[in-house]
Amino acid sequence: MKLNKVEWRNFASYGNRVQTLEFDGDKSNLYLLVGENGAGKSSIGKQLSKALSKDFIDTDQEIEKRVGKKITDIFVEDGEPRFREIEKD
């Protein structure tokens, strides 16, 4: 099995520490990144998609397009419960 490695820096959550993800690039066409706010999902997702020559979909960006508002505006204007409802759809 050939493991590929992607490294990234996440200043918000981990300070100036390099994070590493190793993955088998030959096994799957779909990778789902799950983590807390500020964990680096978008950053690593973009790098991973580039390394694998795959498309990257950021769910926050998709929500913003669908609703026509920034995520921060949804939270301020409609509240977190509404954002979570939108997120589930």
C-alpha atoms as a PDB file:
ATOM      1  CA  MET A   1       0.000   0.000   0.000  1.00  0.00           C
ATOM      2  CA  LYS A   2       1.373   3.397  -0.996  1.00  0.00           C
ATOM      3  CA  LEU A   3       0.730   6.122   1.579  1.00  0.00           C
ATOM      4  CA  ASN A   4       0.693   9.733   0.515  1.00  0.00           C
ATOM      5  CA  LYS A   5       1.310  12.538   2.959  1.00  0.00           C
ATOM      6  CA  VAL A   6      -0.016  16.090   3.116  1.00  0.00           C
ATOM      7  CA  GLU A   7       1.282  18.593   5.656  1.00  0.00           C
ATOM      8  CA  TRP A   8      -0.274  21.916   6.637  1.00  0.00           C
ATOM      9  CA  ARG A   9      -0.003  24.610   9.251  1.00  0.00           C
ATOM     10  CA  ASN A  10      -2.986  25.639  11.310  1.00  0.00           C
ATOM     11  CA  PHE A  11      -2.181  28.741  13.288  1.00  0.00           C
ATOM     12  CA  ALA A  12      -5.652  29.247  14.799  1.00  0.00           C
ATOM     13  CA  SER A  13      -6.019  25.930  16.595  1.00  0.00           C
ATOM     14  CA  TYR A  14      -2.544  24.509  16.941  1.00  0.00           C
ATOM     15  CA  GLY A  15      -0.180  27.468  16.982  1.00  0.00           C
ATOM     16  CA  ASN A  16       2.706  27.197  14.573  1.00  0.00           C
ATOM     17  CA  ARG A  17       2.632  23.393  14.488  1.00  0.00           C
ATOM     18  CA  VAL A  18       2.698  21.293  11.330  1.00  0.00           C
ATOM     19  CA  GLN A  19      -0.164  18.815  11.045  1.00  0.00           C
ATOM     20  CA  THR A  20       0.190  15.692   8.909  1.00  0.00           C
ATOM     21  CA  LEU A  21      -2.373  13.495   7.208  1.00  0.00           C
ATOM     22  CA  GLU A  22      -1.355  10.205   5.647  1.00  0.00           C
ATOM     23  CA  PHE A  23      -3.770   8.505   3.300  1.00  0.00           C
ATOM     24  CA  ASP A  24      -3.969   5.739   0.762  1.00  0.00           C
ATOM     25  CA  GLY A  25      -4.622   7.669  -2.424  1.00  0.00           C
ATOM     26  CA  ASP A  26      -5.542   4.527  -4.344  1.00  0.00           C
ATOM     27  CA  LYS A  27      -8.435   3.287  -2.188  1.00  0.00           C
ATOM     28  CA  SER A  28     -11.185   5.894  -2.440  1.00  0.00           C
ATOM     29  CA  ASN A  29     -12.557   8.635  -4.604  1.00  0.00           C
ATOM     30  CA  LEU A  30     -14.275  10.378  -1.705  1.00  0.00           C
ATOM     31  CA  TYR A  31     -12.677  11.828   1.413  1.00  0.00           C
ATOM     32  CA  LEU A  32     -14.753  13.424   4.131  1.00  0.00           C
ATOM     33  CA  LEU A  33     -12.951  15.671   6.603  1.00  0.00           C
ATOM     34  CA  VAL A  34     -14.653  16.113   9.959  1.00  0.00           C
ATOM     35  CA  GLY A  35     -13.465  18.316  12.800  1.00  0.00           C
ATOM     36  CA  GLU A  36     -14.163  21.208  15.085  1.00  0.00           C
ATOM     37  CA  ASN A  37     -14.311  24.837  13.978  1.00  0.00           C
ATOM     38  CA  GLY A  38     -10.839  26.036  13.055  1.00  0.00           C
ATOM     39  CA  ALA A  39      -9.394  22.517  12.898  1.00  0.00           C
ATOM     40  CA  GLY A  40      -8.112  23.045   9.354  1.00  0.00           C
ATOM     41  CA  LYS A  41     -10.665  21.060   7.331  1.00  0.00           C
ATOM     42  CA  SER A  42     -10.814  23.596   4.511  1.00  0.00           C
ATOM     43  CA  SER A  43      -7.050  24.074   4.411  1.00  0.00           C
ATOM     44  CA  ILE A  44      -6.226  20.378   4.324  1.00  0.00           C
ATOM     45  CA  GLY A  45      -9.153  19.661   2.019  1.00  0.00           C
ATOM     46  CA  LYS A  46      -7.814  22.042  -0.609  1.00  0.00           C
ATOM     47  CA  GLN A  47      -4.331  20.542  -0.359  1.00  0.00           C
ATOM     48  CA  LEU A  48      -5.660  16.995  -0.401  1.00  0.00           C
ATOM     49  CA  SER A  49      -7.816  17.676  -3.459  1.00  0.00           C
ATOM     50  CA  LYS A  50      -4.818  19.150  -5.249  1.00  0.00           C
ATOM     51  CA  ALA A  51      -2.590  16.219  -4.303  1.00  0.00           C
ATOM     52  CA  LEU A  52      -5.216  13.745  -5.577  1.00  0.00           C
ATOM     53  CA  SER A  53      -6.358  15.845  -8.562  1.00  0.00           C
ATOM     54  CA  LYS A  54      -9.916  15.720  -7.195  1.00  0.00           C
ATOM     55  CA  ASP A  55     -12.613  18.349  -6.739  1.00  0.00           C
ATOM     56  CA  PHE A  56     -12.954  20.038  -3.347  1.00  0.00           C
ATOM     57  CA  ILE A  57     -16.322  21.032  -1.917  1.00  0.00           C
ATOM     58  CA  ASP A  58     -16.434  23.278   1.147  1.00  0.00           C
ATOM     59  CA  THR A  59     -19.868  22.877   2.742  1.00  0.00           C
ATOM     60  CA  ASP A  60     -19.744  26.372   4.270  1.00  0.00           C
ATOM     61  CA  GLN A  61     -19.234  27.867   0.809  1.00  0.00           C
ATOM     62  CA  GLU A  62     -22.069  25.742  -0.558  1.00  0.00           C
ATOM     63  CA  ILE A  63     -24.382  26.969   2.219  1.00  0.00           C
ATOM     64  CA  GLU A  64     -23.397  30.588   1.525  1.00  0.00           C
ATOM     65  CA  LYS A  65     -24.235  30.147  -2.181  1.00  0.00           C
ATOM     66  CA  ARG A  66     -27.554  28.444  -1.472  1.00  0.00           C
ATOM     67  CA  VAL A  67     -28.737  30.905   1.194  1.00  0.00           C
ATOM     68  CA  GLY A  68     -27.146  34.029  -0.268  1.00  0.00           C
ATOM     69  CA  LYS A  69     -25.536  35.041   3.043  1.00  0.00           C
ATOM     70  CA  LYS A  70     -22.158  34.645   4.701  1.00  0.00           C
ATOM     71  CA  ILE A  71     -22.053  32.076   7.516  1.00  0.00           C
ATOM     72  CA  THR A  72     -21.349  34.836  10.039  1.00  0.00           C
ATOM     73  CA  ASP A  73     -24.440  36.732   8.829  1.00  0.00           C
ATOM     74  CA  ILE A  74     -26.606  33.632   9.216  1.00  0.00           C
ATOM     75  CA  PHE A  75     -25.429  33.284  12.822  1.00  0.00           C
ATOM     76  CA  VAL A  76     -25.992  36.987  13.597  1.00  0.00           C
ATOM     77  CA  GLU A  77     -29.290  37.455  11.767  1.00  0.00           C
ATOM     78  CA  ASP A  78     -30.920  34.033  12.111  1.00  0.00           C
ATOM     79  CA  GLY A  79     -29.081  32.362  14.991  1.00  0.00           C
ATOM     80  CA  GLU A  80     -27.125  29.151  15.337  1.00  0.00           C
ATOM     81  CA  PRO A  81     -30.212  26.884  15.449  1.00  0.00           C
ATOM     82  CA  ARG A  82     -31.210  28.116  11.972  1.00  0.00           C
ATOM     83  CA  PHE A  83     -27.681  27.580  10.665  1.00  0.00           C
ATOM     84  CA  ARG A  84     -27.732  24.006  11.974  1.00  0.00           C
ATOM     85  CA  GLU A  85     -31.058  23.390  10.202  1.00  0.00           C
ATOM     86  CA  ILE A  86     -29.607  24.694   6.930  1.00  0.00           C
ATOM     87  CA  GLU A  87     -26.474  22.626   7.487  1.00  0.00           C
ATOM     88  CA  LYS A  88     -28.534  19.412   7.824  1.00  0.00           C
ATOM     89  CA  ASP A  89     -30.341  20.004   4.518  1.00  0.00           C
END
